[in-house]
PDB file of N, CA and C in Angstrom:
ATOM      1  N   UNK A   1     -34.500 -62.993 159.426  1.00  0.00           N
ATOM      2  CA  UNK A   1     -34.980 -62.497 160.401  1.00  0.00           C
ATOM      3  C   UNK A   1     -35.405 -63.022 161.889  1.00  0.00           C
ATOM      4  N   UNK A   2     -35.765 -64.852 161.219  1.00  0.00           N
ATOM      5  CA  UNK A   2     -36.123 -65.736 162.699  1.00  0.00           C
ATOM      6  C   UNK A   2     -35.008 -65.700 163.461  1.00  0.00           C
ATOM      7  N   UNK A   3     -33.953 -65.580 162.978  1.00  0.00           N
ATOM      8  CA  UNK A   3     -32.819 -65.958 163.980  1.00  0.00           C
ATOM      9  C   UNK A   3     -32.835 -64.804 164.973  1.00  0.00           C
ATOM     10  N   UNK A   4     -33.293 -63.603 164.909  1.00  0.00           N
ATOM     11  CA  UNK A   4     -33.341 -62.553 165.734  1.00  0.00           C
ATOM     12  C   UNK A   4     -34.730 -61.910 166.111  1.00  0.00           C
ATOM     13  N   UNK A   5     -35.741 -62.845 165.745  1.00  0.00           N
ATOM     14  CA  UNK A   5     -37.177 -62.430 166.222  1.00  0.00           C
ATOM     15  C   UNK A   5     -37.161 -62.052 167.515  1.00  0.00           C
ATOM     16  N   UNK A   6     -36.392 -62.926 168.673  1.00  0.00           N
ATOM     17  CA  UNK A   6     -36.321 -63.196 169.739  1.00  0.00           C
ATOM     18  C   UNK A   6     -35.223 -62.310 170.836  1.00  0.00           C
ATOM     19  N   UNK A   7     -34.797 -61.703 169.692  1.00  0.00           N
ATOM     20  CA  UNK A   7     -33.352 -61.034 170.428  1.00  0.00           C
ATOM     21  C   UNK A   7     -33.453 -59.913 170.748  1.00  0.00           C
ATOM     22  N   UNK A   8     -33.587 -59.443 171.872  1.00  0.00           N
ATOM     23  CA  UNK A   8     -34.084 -58.620 172.635  1.00  0.00           C
ATOM     24  C   UNK A   8     -33.046 -56.991 172.107  1.00  0.00           C
ATOM     25  N   UNK A   9     -32.001 -57.504 172.116  1.00  0.00           N
ATOM     26  CA  UNK A   9     -30.684 -56.596 171.733  1.00  0.00           C
ATOM     27  C   UNK A   9     -30.622 -56.432 170.165  1.00  0.00           C
ATOM     28  N   UNK A  10     -31.105 -57.103 169.578  1.00  0.00           N
ATOM     29  CA  UNK A  10     -31.394 -56.457 168.033  1.00  0.00           C
ATOM     30  C   UNK A  10     -32.736 -55.631 168.216  1.00  0.00           C
ATOM     31  N   UNK A  11     -33.913 -56.042 168.608  1.00  0.00           N
ATOM     32  CA  UNK A  11     -34.909 -54.918 168.591  1.00  0.00           C
ATOM     33  C   UNK A  11     -34.766 -53.384 169.126  1.00  0.00           C
ATOM     34  N   UNK A  12     -33.903 -53.445 170.599  1.00  0.00           N
ATOM     35  CA  UNK A  12     -33.951 -52.369 170.995  1.00  0.00           C
ATOM     36  C   UNK A  12     -32.461 -51.698 170.138  1.00  0.00           C
ATOM     37  N   UNK A  13     -31.621 -52.243 169.595  1.00  0.00           N
ATOM     38  CA  UNK A  13     -30.431 -51.594 168.757  1.00  0.00           C
ATOM     39  C   UNK A  13     -31.113 -50.701 167.633  1.00  0.00           C
ATOM     40  N   UNK A  14     -32.292 -51.295 166.721  1.00  0.00           N
ATOM     41  CA  UNK A  14     -32.660 -50.847 165.898  1.00  0.00           C
ATOM     42  C   UNK A  14     -34.237 -49.979 166.422  1.00  0.00           C
ATOM     43  N   UNK A  15     -34.383 -49.940 167.584  1.00  0.00           N
ATOM     44  CA  UNK A  15     -35.043 -48.892 168.246  1.00  0.00           C
ATOM     45  C   UNK A  15     -36.569 -49.728 167.252  1.00  0.00           C
ATOM     46  N   UNK A  16     -36.766 -51.101 167.688  1.00  0.00           N
ATOM     47  CA  UNK A  16     -38.196 -51.294 166.982  1.00  0.00           C
ATOM     48  C   UNK A  16     -39.392 -51.873 167.979  1.00  0.00           C
ATOM     49  N   UNK A  17     -40.360 -51.653 168.210  1.00  0.00           N
ATOM     50  CA  UNK A  17     -41.568 -51.981 168.790  1.00  0.00           C
ATOM     51  C   UNK A  17     -41.666 -53.547 168.808  1.00  0.00           C
ATOM     52  N   UNK A  18     -41.239 -54.089 167.474  1.00  0.00           N
ATOM     53  CA  UNK A  18     -41.302 -55.588 167.317  1.00  0.00           C
ATOM     54  C   UNK A  18     -40.438 -56.243 166.258  1.00  0.00           C
ATOM     55  N   UNK A  19     -40.264 -57.263 166.191  1.00  0.00           N
ATOM     56  CA  UNK A  19     -39.114 -57.725 164.749  1.00  0.00           C
ATOM     57  C   UNK A  19     -40.392 -58.538 163.739  1.00  0.00           C
ATOM     58  N   UNK A  20     -40.634 -57.956 162.845  1.00  0.00           N
ATOM     59  CA  UNK A  20     -41.588 -58.987 161.966  1.00  0.00           C
ATOM     60  C   UNK A  20     -40.980 -60.118 161.351  1.00  0.00           C
ATOM     61  N   UNK A  21     -41.911 -60.896 161.088  1.00  0.00           N
ATOM     62  CA  UNK A  21     -41.701 -62.550 160.528  1.00  0.00           C
ATOM     63  C   UNK A  21     -40.983 -61.908 159.199  1.00  0.00           C
ATOM     64  N   UNK A  22     -40.041 -63.150 158.459  1.00  0.00           N
ATOM     65  CA  UNK A  22     -39.522 -62.889 157.336  1.00  0.00           C
ATOM     66  C   UNK A  22     -40.294 -62.496 156.373  1.00  0.00           C
ATOM     67  N   UNK A  23     -41.504 -63.156 156.222  1.00  0.00           N
ATOM     68  CA  UNK A  23     -42.810 -63.133 155.143  1.00  0.00           C
ATOM     69  C   UNK A  23     -43.082 -61.572 154.909  1.00  0.00           C
ATOM     70  N   UNK A  24     -43.193 -60.958 156.142  1.00  0.00           N
ATOM     71  CA  UNK A  24     -43.977 -59.620 156.558  1.00  0.00           C
ATOM     72  C   UNK A  24     -42.877 -58.711 155.827  1.00  0.00           C
ATOM     73  N   UNK A  25     -41.327 -58.936 156.328  1.00  0.00           N
ATOM     74  CA  UNK A  25     -40.688 -57.963 156.027  1.00  0.00           C
ATOM     75  C   UNK A  25     -40.043 -58.090 154.369  1.00  0.00           C
ATOM     76  N   UNK A  26     -40.346 -59.331 153.876  1.00  0.00           N
ATOM     77  CA  UNK A  26     -40.161 -59.293 152.188  1.00  0.00           C
ATOM     78  C   UNK A  26     -41.325 -58.629 151.698  1.00  0.00           C
ATOM     79  N   UNK A  27     -42.604 -58.785 152.067  1.00  0.00           N
ATOM     80  CA  UNK A  27     -43.362 -57.917 151.327  1.00  0.00           C
ATOM     81  C   UNK A  27     -43.368 -56.632 151.554  1.00  0.00           C
ATOM     82  N   UNK A  28     -42.989 -55.869 152.750  1.00  0.00           N
ATOM     83  CA  UNK A  28     -42.741 -54.699 152.905  1.00  0.00           C
ATOM     84  C   UNK A  28     -41.646 -54.214 152.039  1.00  0.00           C
ATOM     85  N   UNK A  29     -40.191 -54.965 152.025  1.00  0.00           N
ATOM     86  CA  UNK A  29     -39.613 -54.601 150.934  1.00  0.00           C
ATOM     87  C   UNK A  29     -39.888 -54.493 149.425  1.00  0.00           C
ATOM     88  N   UNK A  30     -40.648 -55.617 149.176  1.00  0.00           N
ATOM     89  CA  UNK A  30     -40.893 -55.829 147.710  1.00  0.00           C
ATOM     90  C   UNK A  30     -41.878 -54.484 147.269  1.00  0.00           C
ATOM     91  N   UNK A  31     -42.700 -54.016 148.238  1.00  0.00           N
ATOM     92  CA  UNK A  31     -43.523 -52.908 147.759  1.00  0.00           C
ATOM     93  C   UNK A  31     -43.006 -51.504 147.763  1.00  0.00           C
ATOM     94  N   UNK A  32     -41.761 -51.334 148.503  1.00  0.00           N
ATOM     95  CA  UNK A  32     -40.936 -50.319 148.286  1.00  0.00           C
ATOM     96  C   UNK A  32     -40.076 -50.014 147.304  1.00  0.00           C
ATOM     97  N   UNK A  33     -39.652 -50.909 146.587  1.00  0.00           N
ATOM     98  CA  UNK A  33     -38.924 -51.304 144.984  1.00  0.00           C
ATOM     99  C   UNK A  33     -39.794 -51.001 143.998  1.00  0.00           C
ATOM    100  N   UNK A  34     -39.520 -49.826 143.000  1.00  0.00           N
ATOM    101  CA  UNK A  34     -40.315 -49.777 141.989  1.00  0.00           C
ATOM    102  C   UNK A  34     -40.330 -50.851 141.042  1.00  0.00           C
ATOM    103  N   UNK A  35     -41.069 -51.877 140.424  1.00  0.00           N
ATOM    104  CA  UNK A  35     -40.898 -52.697 139.522  1.00  0.00           C
ATOM    105  C   UNK A  35     -39.803 -52.811 138.476  1.00  0.00           C
ATOM    106  N   UNK A  36     -39.547 -51.578 137.969  1.00  0.00           N
ATOM    107  CA  UNK A  36     -38.466 -51.641 136.654  1.00  0.00           C
ATOM    108  C   UNK A  36     -37.140 -51.880 137.401  1.00  0.00           C
ATOM    109  N   UNK A  37     -36.931 -51.553 138.655  1.00  0.00           N
ATOM    110  CA  UNK A  37     -35.608 -51.811 139.382  1.00  0.00           C
ATOM    111  C   UNK A  37     -35.228 -52.667 139.859  1.00  0.00           C
ATOM    112  N   UNK A  38     -36.300 -54.120 140.080  1.00  0.00           N
ATOM    113  CA  UNK A  38     -36.196 -55.453 140.438  1.00  0.00           C
ATOM    114  C   UNK A  38     -35.173 -56.337 139.484  1.00  0.00           C
ATOM    115  N   UNK A  39     -34.378 -56.870 140.030  1.00  0.00           N
ATOM    116  CA  UNK A  39     -32.967 -57.308 138.973  1.00  0.00           C
ATOM    117  C   UNK A  39     -33.097 -58.841 139.595  1.00  0.00           C
ATOM    118  N   UNK A  40     -32.934 -59.660 138.680  1.00  0.00           N
ATOM    119  CA  UNK A  40     -32.330 -61.008 138.699  1.00  0.00           C
ATOM    120  C   UNK A  40     -31.930 -61.478 139.740  1.00  0.00           C
ATOM    121  N   UNK A  41     -31.896 -62.501 140.767  1.00  0.00           N
ATOM    122  CA  UNK A  41     -30.689 -62.558 141.712  1.00  0.00           C
ATOM    123  C   UNK A  41     -29.504 -63.141 141.221  1.00  0.00           C
ATOM    124  N   UNK A  42     -29.639 -63.694 139.943  1.00  0.00           N
ATOM    125  CA  UNK A  42     -28.228 -64.025 139.357  1.00  0.00           C
ATOM    126  C   UNK A  42     -27.342 -63.380 139.255  1.00  0.00           C
ATOM    127  N   UNK A  43     -27.660 -61.867 138.749  1.00  0.00           N
ATOM    128  CA  UNK A  43     -26.925 -60.849 138.721  1.00  0.00           C
ATOM    129  C   UNK A  43     -26.502 -60.121 140.123  1.00  0.00           C
ATOM    130  N   UNK A  44     -27.339 -60.349 141.251  1.00  0.00           N
ATOM    131  CA  UNK A  44     -26.646 -60.138 142.337  1.00  0.00           C
ATOM    132  C   UNK A  44     -25.769 -61.163 143.163  1.00  0.00           C
ATOM    133  N   UNK A  45     -24.890 -61.878 142.376  1.00  0.00           N
ATOM    134  CA  UNK A  45     -24.001 -62.943 143.093  1.00  0.00           C
ATOM    135  C   UNK A  45     -22.733 -62.778 142.747  1.00  0.00           C
ATOM    136  N   UNK A  46     -21.479 -63.277 143.637  1.00  0.00           N
ATOM    137  CA  UNK A  46     -20.408 -62.949 143.278  1.00  0.00           C
ATOM    138  C   UNK A  46     -19.397 -64.287 143.618  1.00  0.00           C
ATOM    139  N   UNK A  47     -19.266 -64.529 142.714  1.00  0.00           N
ATOM    140  CA  UNK A  47     -18.406 -66.333 142.613  1.00  0.00           C
ATOM    141  C   UNK A  47     -17.604 -65.858 143.245  1.00  0.00           C
ATOM    142  N   UNK A  48     -16.972 -66.764 144.377  1.00  0.00           N
ATOM    143  CA  UNK A  48     -15.606 -66.942 145.189  1.00  0.00           C
ATOM    144  C   UNK A  48     -14.998 -67.959 144.535  1.00  0.00           C
ATOM    145  N   UNK A  49     -13.607 -67.452 144.074  1.00  0.00           N
ATOM    146  CA  UNK A  49     -12.824 -68.432 143.486  1.00  0.00           C
ATOM    147  C   UNK A  49     -12.334 -69.777 145.004  1.00  0.00           C
ATOM    148  N   UNK A  50     -12.300 -70.455 144.754  1.00  0.00           N
ATOM    149  CA  UNK A  50     -12.031 -71.578 145.806  1.00  0.00           C
ATOM    150  C   UNK A  50     -11.272 -72.807 144.999  1.00  0.00           C
ATOM    151  N   UNK A  51     -10.513 -72.492 144.264  1.00  0.00           N
ATOM    152  CA  UNK A  51      -9.876 -73.350 143.035  1.00  0.00           C
ATOM    153  C   UNK A  51      -8.522 -74.229 144.013  1.00  0.00           C
ATOM    154  N   UNK A  52      -8.739 -75.733 143.825  1.00  0.00           N
ATOM    155  CA  UNK A  52      -7.475 -76.402 144.600  1.00  0.00           C
ATOM    156  C   UNK A  52      -7.940 -76.368 146.091  1.00  0.00           C
ATOM    157  N   UNK A  53      -8.974 -76.035 146.526  1.00  0.00           N
ATOM    158  CA  UNK A  53      -9.217 -75.894 148.051  1.00  0.00           C
ATOM    159  C   UNK A  53      -9.730 -77.312 148.835  1.00  0.00           C
ATOM    160  N   UNK A  54     -10.308 -78.207 147.779  1.00  0.00           N
ATOM    161  CA  UNK A  54     -10.922 -79.484 148.546  1.00  0.00           C
ATOM    162  C   UNK A  54     -11.880 -79.290 149.571  1.00  0.00           C
ATOM    163  N   UNK A  55     -12.193 -77.953 149.441  1.00  0.00           N
ATOM    164  CA  UNK A  55     -13.310 -77.574 150.673  1.00  0.00           C
ATOM    165  C   UNK A  55     -14.966 -78.433 149.733  1.00  0.00           C
ATOM    166  N   UNK A  56     -15.726 -78.768 150.820  1.00  0.00           N
ATOM    167  CA  UNK A  56     -17.118 -78.994 150.732  1.00  0.00           C
ATOM    168  C   UNK A  56     -18.165 -78.400 150.209  1.00  0.00           C
ATOM    169  N   UNK A  57     -18.757 -78.621 149.182  1.00  0.00           N
ATOM    170  CA  UNK A  57     -19.562 -77.887 148.634  1.00  0.00           C
ATOM    171  C   UNK A  57     -19.111 -77.020 147.289  1.00  0.00           C
ATOM    172  N   UNK A  58     -17.787 -77.202 147.056  1.00  0.00           N
ATOM    173  CA  UNK A  58     -17.128 -76.443 146.158  1.00  0.00           C
ATOM    174  C   UNK A  58     -17.607 -76.873 144.553  1.00  0.00           C
ATOM    175  N   UNK A  59     -18.087 -76.180 143.680  1.00  0.00           N
ATOM    176  CA  UNK A  59     -18.017 -76.756 142.191  1.00  0.00           C
ATOM    177  C   UNK A  59     -17.722 -75.706 141.231  1.00  0.00           C
ATOM    178  N   UNK A  60     -17.975 -76.059 140.020  1.00  0.00           N
ATOM    179  CA  UNK A  60     -17.508 -75.206 139.057  1.00  0.00           C
ATOM    180  C   UNK A  60     -18.840 -73.755 138.739  1.00  0.00           C
ATOM    181  N   UNK A  61     -18.087 -72.645 138.485  1.00  0.00           N
ATOM    182  CA  UNK A  61     -18.892 -71.525 138.725  1.00  0.00           C
ATOM    183  C   UNK A  61     -19.414 -70.952 137.312  1.00  0.00           C
ATOM    184  N   UNK A  62     -19.985 -69.937 137.191  1.00  0.00           N
ATOM    185  CA  UNK A  62     -20.239 -69.481 135.623  1.00  0.00           C
ATOM    186  C   UNK A  62     -18.845 -68.766 135.053  1.00  0.00           C
ATOM    187  N   UNK A  63     -18.104 -68.792 135.996  1.00  0.00           N
ATOM    188  CA  UNK A  63     -16.961 -67.658 135.741  1.00  0.00           C
ATOM    189  C   UNK A  63     -15.720 -68.812 135.251  1.00  0.00           C
ATOM    190  N   UNK A  64     -15.881 -69.901 135.497  1.00  0.00           N
ATOM    191  CA  UNK A  64     -15.142 -70.921 134.954  1.00  0.00           C
ATOM    192  C   UNK A  64     -13.770 -71.246 135.757  1.00  0.00           C
ATOM    193  N   UNK A  65     -14.338 -71.149 137.136  1.00  0.00           N
ATOM    194  CA  UNK A  65     -13.386 -71.542 138.436  1.00  0.00           C
ATOM    195  C   UNK A  65     -14.112 -72.385 139.046  1.00  0.00           C
ATOM    196  N   UNK A  66     -13.424 -73.290 139.944  1.00  0.00           N
ATOM    197  CA  UNK A  66     -14.066 -73.966 141.410  1.00  0.00           C
ATOM    198  C   UNK A  66     -14.324 -73.202 142.371  1.00  0.00           C
ATOM    199  N   UNK A  67     -15.160 -73.067 142.672  1.00  0.00           N
ATOM    200  CA  UNK A  67     -15.732 -72.197 144.066  1.00  0.00           C
ATOM    201  C   UNK A  67     -17.152 -72.177 144.298  1.00  0.00           C
ATOM    202  N   UNK A  68     -17.593 -71.055 145.225  1.00  0.00           N
ATOM    203  CA  UNK A  68     -18.704 -70.869 145.935  1.00  0.00           C
ATOM    204  C   UNK A  68     -19.360 -69.477 145.150  1.00  0.00           C
ATOM    205  N   UNK A  69     -20.795 -69.320 144.974  1.00  0.00           N
ATOM    206  CA  UNK A  69     -21.598 -68.579 144.053  1.00  0.00           C
ATOM    207  C   UNK A  69     -22.546 -68.202 145.320  1.00  0.00           C
ATOM    208  N   UNK A  70     -22.143 -67.255 146.361  1.00  0.00           N
ATOM    209  CA  UNK A  70     -23.164 -66.984 147.452  1.00  0.00           C
ATOM    210  C   UNK A  70     -24.264 -65.538 146.645  1.00  0.00           C
ATOM    211  N   UNK A  71     -25.035 -65.357 147.396  1.00  0.00           N
ATOM    212  CA  UNK A  71     -25.528 -64.259 147.061  1.00  0.00           C
ATOM    213  C   UNK A  71     -25.599 -63.344 148.384  1.00  0.00           C
ATOM    214  N   UNK A  72     -25.461 -62.128 148.031  1.00  0.00           N
ATOM    215  CA  UNK A  72     -25.351 -61.201 149.099  1.00  0.00           C
ATOM    216  C   UNK A  72     -26.477 -59.884 149.388  1.00  0.00           C
ATOM    217  N   UNK A  73     -26.988 -59.838 150.026  1.00  0.00           N
ATOM    218  CA  UNK A  73     -28.348 -59.031 150.144  1.00  0.00           C
ATOM    219  C   UNK A  73     -27.546 -57.738 151.402  1.00  0.00           C
ATOM    220  N   UNK A  74     -27.725 -56.590 150.985  1.00  0.00           N
ATOM    221  CA  UNK A  74     -27.564 -55.578 151.585  1.00  0.00           C
ATOM    222  C   UNK A  74     -28.572 -54.452 151.525  1.00  0.00           C
ATOM    223  N   UNK A  75     -28.704 -53.780 152.705  1.00  0.00           N
ATOM    224  CA  UNK A  75     -29.522 -52.640 152.896  1.00  0.00           C
ATOM    225  C   UNK A  75     -28.871 -51.045 153.318  1.00  0.00           C
ATOM    226  N   UNK A  76     -29.928 -50.163 152.651  1.00  0.00           N
ATOM    227  CA  UNK A  76     -29.527 -48.761 152.721  1.00  0.00           C
ATOM    228  C   UNK A  76     -28.452 -48.283 151.979  1.00  0.00           C
ATOM    229  N   UNK A  77     -27.721 -47.390 151.832  1.00  0.00           N
ATOM    230  CA  UNK A  77     -26.856 -46.636 151.010  1.00  0.00           C
ATOM    231  C   UNK A  77     -25.462 -46.914 151.520  1.00  0.00           C
ATOM    232  N   UNK A  78     -25.300 -47.453 152.956  1.00  0.00           N
ATOM    233  CA  UNK A  78     -24.066 -47.546 153.745  1.00  0.00           C
ATOM    234  C   UNK A  78     -23.638 -48.870 153.273  1.00  0.00           C
ATOM    235  N   UNK A  79     -24.640 -49.758 152.608  1.00  0.00           N
ATOM    236  CA  UNK A  79     -24.438 -50.870 152.704  1.00  0.00           C
ATOM    237  C   UNK A  79     -23.941 -52.010 153.713  1.00  0.00           C
ATOM    238  N   UNK A  80     -24.963 -51.847 154.664  1.00  0.00           N
ATOM    239  CA  UNK A  80     -25.058 -53.068 155.608  1.00  0.00           C
ATOM    240  C   UNK A  80     -25.268 -54.472 155.000  1.00  0.00           C
ATOM    241  N   UNK A  81     -24.752 -55.290 155.367  1.00  0.00           N
ATOM    242  CA  UNK A  81     -25.072 -56.702 155.116  1.00  0.00           C
ATOM    243  C   UNK A  81     -26.406 -57.187 155.788  1.00  0.00           C
ATOM    244  N   UNK A  82     -27.310 -57.493 155.042  1.00  0.00           N
ATOM    245  CA  UNK A  82     -28.618 -57.791 155.723  1.00  0.00           C
ATOM    246  C   UNK A  82     -28.706 -59.781 155.798  1.00  0.00           C
ATOM    247  N   UNK A  83     -28.061 -60.004 154.806  1.00  0.00           N
ATOM    248  CA  UNK A  83     -28.093 -61.626 154.633  1.00  0.00           C
ATOM    249  C   UNK A  83     -26.986 -62.254 153.513  1.00  0.00           C
ATOM    250  N   UNK A  84     -26.654 -63.147 154.039  1.00  0.00           N
ATOM    251  CA  UNK A  84     -25.614 -63.997 152.707  1.00  0.00           C
ATOM    252  C   UNK A  84     -26.107 -65.419 152.599  1.00  0.00           C
ATOM    253  N   UNK A  85     -26.562 -66.103 151.577  1.00  0.00           N
ATOM    254  CA  UNK A  85     -26.812 -67.403 151.230  1.00  0.00           C
ATOM    255  C   UNK A  85     -25.652 -67.746 150.358  1.00  0.00           C
ATOM    256  N   UNK A  86     -24.903 -68.666 151.449  1.00  0.00           N
ATOM    257  CA  UNK A  86     -23.628 -69.500 150.261  1.00  0.00           C
ATOM    258  C   UNK A  86     -24.412 -70.521 149.415  1.00  0.00           C
ATOM    259  N   UNK A  87     -23.935 -70.702 148.220  1.00  0.00           N
ATOM    260  CA  UNK A  87     -24.356 -71.790 147.583  1.00  0.00           C
ATOM    261  C   UNK A  87     -23.149 -72.336 146.722  1.00  0.00           C
ATOM    262  N   UNK A  88     -23.359 -73.767 146.627  1.00  0.00           N
ATOM    263  CA  UNK A  88     -22.358 -74.397 145.694  1.00  0.00           C
ATOM    264  C   UNK A  88     -22.162 -73.485 144.253  1.00  0.00           C
ATOM    265  N   UNK A  89     -20.741 -73.704 143.377  1.00  0.00           N
ATOM    266  CA  UNK A  89     -20.673 -73.086 142.405  1.00  0.00           C
ATOM    267  C   UNK A  89     -22.044 -72.636 141.511  1.00  0.00           C
TER     268      UNK A  89
END
């Protein structure tokens, strides 16, 4: 959220009076989710196969191929992507 904190287009397009800090957003989201539905982040990952690509950061994934192991964060029932963290295998 810090990258859009001073972006007036982001704020106006979502009809927000202000854009909260990352920490504030995280606290709001944590309070919205019942404890029993919190899932370990390792389950919410999708390994990407980049075997034989020679790309930087490619390493062995738990699926036994070389690639990246990003974490995807979606919001809403429509599946809008909120954030992505690209990690090595």
